[in-house]
Every structure is written in C-alpha cells, then in structure tokens.
PDB file of N, CA and C in Angstrom:
ATOM      1  N   MET A   1       0.847  -1.175   0.199  1.00  0.00           N
ATOM      2  CA  MET A   1      -0.055  -0.137  -0.452  1.00  0.00           C
ATOM      3  C   MET A   1       0.905   1.375   0.126  1.00  0.00           C
ATOM      4  N   ALA A   2       1.101   1.700  -1.195  1.00  0.00           N
ATOM      5  CA  ALA A   2       1.568   3.131  -1.025  1.00  0.00           C
ATOM      6  C   ALA A   2       1.044   4.458  -0.032  1.00  0.00           C
ATOM      7  N   ALA A   3       1.916   4.921   0.426  1.00  0.00           N
ATOM      8  CA  ALA A   3       1.405   5.801   1.623  1.00  0.00           C
ATOM      9  C   ALA A   3       1.042   7.212   1.311  1.00  0.00           C
ATOM     10  N   GLN A   4       0.258   7.792   1.806  1.00  0.00           N
ATOM     11  CA  GLN A   4      -0.835   8.949   1.541  1.00  0.00           C
ATOM     12  C   GLN A   4      -0.688  10.256   2.348  1.00  0.00           C
ATOM     13  N   LYS A   5      -0.033  11.637   1.586  1.00  0.00           N
ATOM     14  CA  LYS A   5       0.266  12.211   2.447  1.00  0.00           C
ATOM     15  C   LYS A   5      -0.960  13.729   2.270  1.00  0.00           C
ATOM     16  N   SER A   6      -1.138  14.125   2.814  1.00  0.00           N
ATOM     17  CA  SER A   6      -2.113  15.345   3.151  1.00  0.00           C
ATOM     18  C   SER A   6      -1.984  16.471   2.190  1.00  0.00           C
ATOM     19  N   LEU A   7      -2.606  16.848   1.682  1.00  0.00           N
ATOM     20  CA  LEU A   7      -2.180  18.457   1.228  1.00  0.00           C
ATOM     21  C   LEU A   7      -1.525  18.499   1.967  1.00  0.00           C
ATOM     22  N   GLN A   8      -1.239  19.302   3.157  1.00  0.00           N
ATOM     23  CA  GLN A   8      -0.543  20.108   3.863  1.00  0.00           C
ATOM     24  C   GLN A   8       1.135  19.814   3.568  1.00  0.00           C
ATOM     25  N   SER A   9       1.115  18.579   4.161  1.00  0.00           N
ATOM     26  CA  SER A   9       2.042  18.156   4.079  1.00  0.00           C
ATOM     27  C   SER A   9       2.519  18.336   2.365  1.00  0.00           C
ATOM     28  N   VAL A  10       2.431  18.128   1.844  1.00  0.00           N
ATOM     29  CA  VAL A  10       2.497  17.578   0.948  1.00  0.00           C
ATOM     30  C   VAL A  10       3.400  18.937  -0.002  1.00  0.00           C
ATOM     31  N   ALA A  11       2.524  20.294   0.786  1.00  0.00           N
ATOM     32  CA  ALA A  11       2.966  21.980   0.462  1.00  0.00           C
ATOM     33  C   ALA A  11       4.008  21.848   1.743  1.00  0.00           C
ATOM     34  N   ARG A  12       4.689  21.975   2.463  1.00  0.00           N
ATOM     35  CA  ARG A  12       5.519  22.016   3.357  1.00  0.00           C
ATOM     36  C   ARG A  12       6.638  21.293   3.296  1.00  0.00           C
ATOM     37  N   GLU A  13       6.996  22.431   3.063  1.00  0.00           N
ATOM     38  CA  GLU A  13       9.220  21.271   2.101  1.00  0.00           C
ATOM     39  C   GLU A  13       9.307  22.192   3.457  1.00  0.00           C
ATOM     40  N   GLY A  14      10.274  21.314   4.531  1.00  0.00           N
ATOM     41  CA  GLY A  14      11.617  21.917   5.454  1.00  0.00           C
ATOM     42  C   GLY A  14      10.214  22.814   6.025  1.00  0.00           C
ATOM     43  N   SER A  15      10.690  24.049   6.428  1.00  0.00           N
ATOM     44  CA  SER A  15       9.920  24.745   7.773  1.00  0.00           C
ATOM     45  C   SER A  15       9.109  26.006   6.762  1.00  0.00           C
ATOM     46  N   LYS A  16       9.049  25.662   5.550  1.00  0.00           N
ATOM     47  CA  LYS A  16       8.784  27.032   4.685  1.00  0.00           C
ATOM     48  C   LYS A  16       7.297  25.661   4.190  1.00  0.00           C
ATOM     49  N   LEU A  17       5.987  27.214   4.072  1.00  0.00           N
ATOM     50  CA  LEU A  17       5.226  26.940   3.373  1.00  0.00           C
ATOM     51  C   LEU A  17       4.625  27.209   1.878  1.00  0.00           C
ATOM     52  N   LYS A  18       4.335  26.204   1.635  1.00  0.00           N
ATOM     53  CA  LYS A  18       4.740  25.943  -0.171  1.00  0.00           C
ATOM     54  C   LYS A  18       3.231  26.472  -0.649  1.00  0.00           C
ATOM     55  N   CYS A  19       2.617  27.251  -1.523  1.00  0.00           N
ATOM     56  CA  CYS A  19       1.390  27.340  -2.561  1.00  0.00           C
ATOM     57  C   CYS A  19       1.124  26.361  -3.144  1.00  0.00           C
ATOM     58  N   PRO A  20       0.033  25.420  -2.762  1.00  0.00           N
ATOM     59  CA  PRO A  20      -0.009  23.931  -3.846  1.00  0.00           C
ATOM     60  C   PRO A  20      -0.312  24.254  -5.336  1.00  0.00           C
ATOM     61  N   ASP A  21      -0.911  25.469  -5.337  1.00  0.00           N
ATOM     62  CA  ASP A  21      -1.774  25.617  -6.651  1.00  0.00           C
ATOM     63  C   ASP A  21      -0.490  26.356  -7.724  1.00  0.00           C
ATOM     64  N   CYS A  22       0.343  27.308  -7.401  1.00  0.00           N
ATOM     65  CA  CYS A  22       1.419  27.597  -8.187  1.00  0.00           C
ATOM     66  C   CYS A  22       2.284  27.801  -7.718  1.00  0.00           C
ATOM     67  N   GLY A  23       2.971  26.942  -6.212  1.00  0.00           N
ATOM     68  CA  GLY A  23       3.801  27.031  -6.007  1.00  0.00           C
ATOM     69  C   GLY A  23       5.121  27.902  -5.382  1.00  0.00           C
ATOM     70  N   SER A  24       4.440  29.591  -5.149  1.00  0.00           N
ATOM     71  CA  SER A  24       5.119  30.198  -4.049  1.00  0.00           C
ATOM     72  C   SER A  24       5.358  30.008  -3.195  1.00  0.00           C
ATOM     73  N   GLU A  25       6.207  30.253  -2.528  1.00  0.00           N
ATOM     74  CA  GLU A  25       6.988  30.713  -1.135  1.00  0.00           C
ATOM     75  C   GLU A  25       6.393  31.495  -0.673  1.00  0.00           C
ATOM     76  N   ASP A  26       5.791  32.932  -1.042  1.00  0.00           N
ATOM     77  CA  ASP A  26       5.470  33.679  -0.832  1.00  0.00           C
ATOM     78  C   ASP A  26       4.090  33.542  -0.043  1.00  0.00           C
ATOM     79  N   VAL A  27       3.442  33.368   1.069  1.00  0.00           N
ATOM     80  CA  VAL A  27       2.267  32.877   2.194  1.00  0.00           C
ATOM     81  C   VAL A  27       2.064  33.413   2.770  1.00  0.00           C
ATOM     82  N   GLY A  28       1.045  34.152   3.158  1.00  0.00           N
ATOM     83  CA  GLY A  28      -0.072  34.873   4.711  1.00  0.00           C
ATOM     84  C   GLY A  28      -1.051  33.780   5.415  1.00  0.00           C
ATOM     85  N   PHE A  29      -1.152  34.416   6.821  1.00  0.00           N
ATOM     86  CA  PHE A  29      -2.037  34.076   7.155  1.00  0.00           C
ATOM     87  C   PHE A  29      -2.785  34.706   8.071  1.00  0.00           C
ATOM     88  N   SER A  30      -4.077  34.442   7.803  1.00  0.00           N
ATOM     89  CA  SER A  30      -5.418  35.776   8.222  1.00  0.00           C
ATOM     90  C   SER A  30      -6.414  35.260   8.558  1.00  0.00           C
ATOM     91  N   ASP A  31      -7.225  34.969   9.754  1.00  0.00           N
ATOM     92  CA  ASP A  31      -8.399  34.389  10.216  1.00  0.00           C
ATOM     93  C   ASP A  31      -7.876  33.119  10.220  1.00  0.00           C
ATOM     94  N   HIS A  32      -6.956  31.958  10.852  1.00  0.00           N
ATOM     95  CA  HIS A  32      -6.657  31.286  11.082  1.00  0.00           C
ATOM     96  C   HIS A  32      -6.570  30.250   9.610  1.00  0.00           C
ATOM     97  N   GLN A  33      -6.393  30.768   8.717  1.00  0.00           N
ATOM     98  CA  GLN A  33      -6.070  30.579   7.815  1.00  0.00           C
ATOM     99  C   GLN A  33      -4.795  30.530   6.828  1.00  0.00           C
ATOM    100  N   HIS A  34      -4.132  29.810   5.821  1.00  0.00           N
ATOM    101  CA  HIS A  34      -2.951  30.172   5.030  1.00  0.00           C
ATOM    102  C   HIS A  34      -3.449  30.865   3.707  1.00  0.00           C
ATOM    103  N   PHE A  35      -3.178  31.485   3.037  1.00  0.00           N
ATOM    104  CA  PHE A  35      -3.252  32.321   1.587  1.00  0.00           C
ATOM    105  C   PHE A  35      -1.885  32.650   0.960  1.00  0.00           C
ATOM    106  N   CYS A  36      -2.537  31.947   0.008  1.00  0.00           N
ATOM    107  CA  CYS A  36      -1.000  32.627  -1.408  1.00  0.00           C
ATOM    108  C   CYS A  36      -0.933  33.304  -1.779  1.00  0.00           C
ATOM    109  N   LYS A  37      -0.561  35.040  -1.830  1.00  0.00           N
ATOM    110  CA  LYS A  37      -0.181  36.402  -1.816  1.00  0.00           C
ATOM    111  C   LYS A  37       0.151  36.411  -3.396  1.00  0.00           C
ATOM    112  N   LYS A  38       0.556  35.212  -3.818  1.00  0.00           N
ATOM    113  CA  LYS A  38       0.516  35.594  -5.115  1.00  0.00           C
ATOM    114  C   LYS A  38      -1.066  34.922  -6.142  1.00  0.00           C
ATOM    115  N   CYS A  39      -1.392  34.323  -5.591  1.00  0.00           N
ATOM    116  CA  CYS A  39      -2.676  33.851  -6.369  1.00  0.00           C
ATOM    117  C   CYS A  39      -4.129  33.784  -5.877  1.00  0.00           C
ATOM    118  N   GLY A  40      -3.697  33.868  -4.735  1.00  0.00           N
ATOM    119  CA  GLY A  40      -5.220  34.809  -3.516  1.00  0.00           C
ATOM    120  C   GLY A  40      -5.346  32.814  -3.426  1.00  0.00           C
ATOM    121  N   LEU A  41      -5.050  31.450  -3.547  1.00  0.00           N
ATOM    122  CA  LEU A  41      -5.634  30.415  -2.843  1.00  0.00           C
ATOM    123  C   LEU A  41      -5.652  30.751  -1.471  1.00  0.00           C
ATOM    124  N   VAL A  42      -6.479  29.931  -0.960  1.00  0.00           N
ATOM    125  CA  VAL A  42      -6.995  29.722   0.939  1.00  0.00           C
ATOM    126  C   VAL A  42      -7.135  29.006   0.728  1.00  0.00           C
ATOM    127  N   PHE A  43      -5.769  27.898   1.641  1.00  0.00           N
ATOM    128  CA  PHE A  43      -5.471  27.077   2.276  1.00  0.00           C
ATOM    129  C   PHE A  43      -5.181  26.532   3.476  1.00  0.00           C
ATOM    130  N   ASP A  44      -5.327  25.436   4.132  1.00  0.00           N
ATOM    131  CA  ASP A  44      -5.291  25.465   5.852  1.00  0.00           C
ATOM    132  C   ASP A  44      -4.468  24.650   6.045  1.00  0.00           C
TER     133      ASP A  44
END
C-alpha cells in the first residue's frame, strides 16, 4: 500500500509553506487560514 500524504504535508518543505496551486512561497496567514499572496488561493 502506497503512503498517502495530506495536501498540507505535501505543501510543506522544511519549515517553509508553499502554495499547492502555483508553488509560491509567499504565503500569508489571516483568520486562521493560510493564503497565497501571489495567486490568492486559501488553504489550511
């Protein structure tokens, strides 16, 4: 059985958070949610 990773664990590389949509590392945090400052995607 192949190991499955959550979207959040795939998006994290080291201690940097990366946007799963565009790959940008320019991520902000507001209202208990992370968001990409480049493309606007909101993710946990």
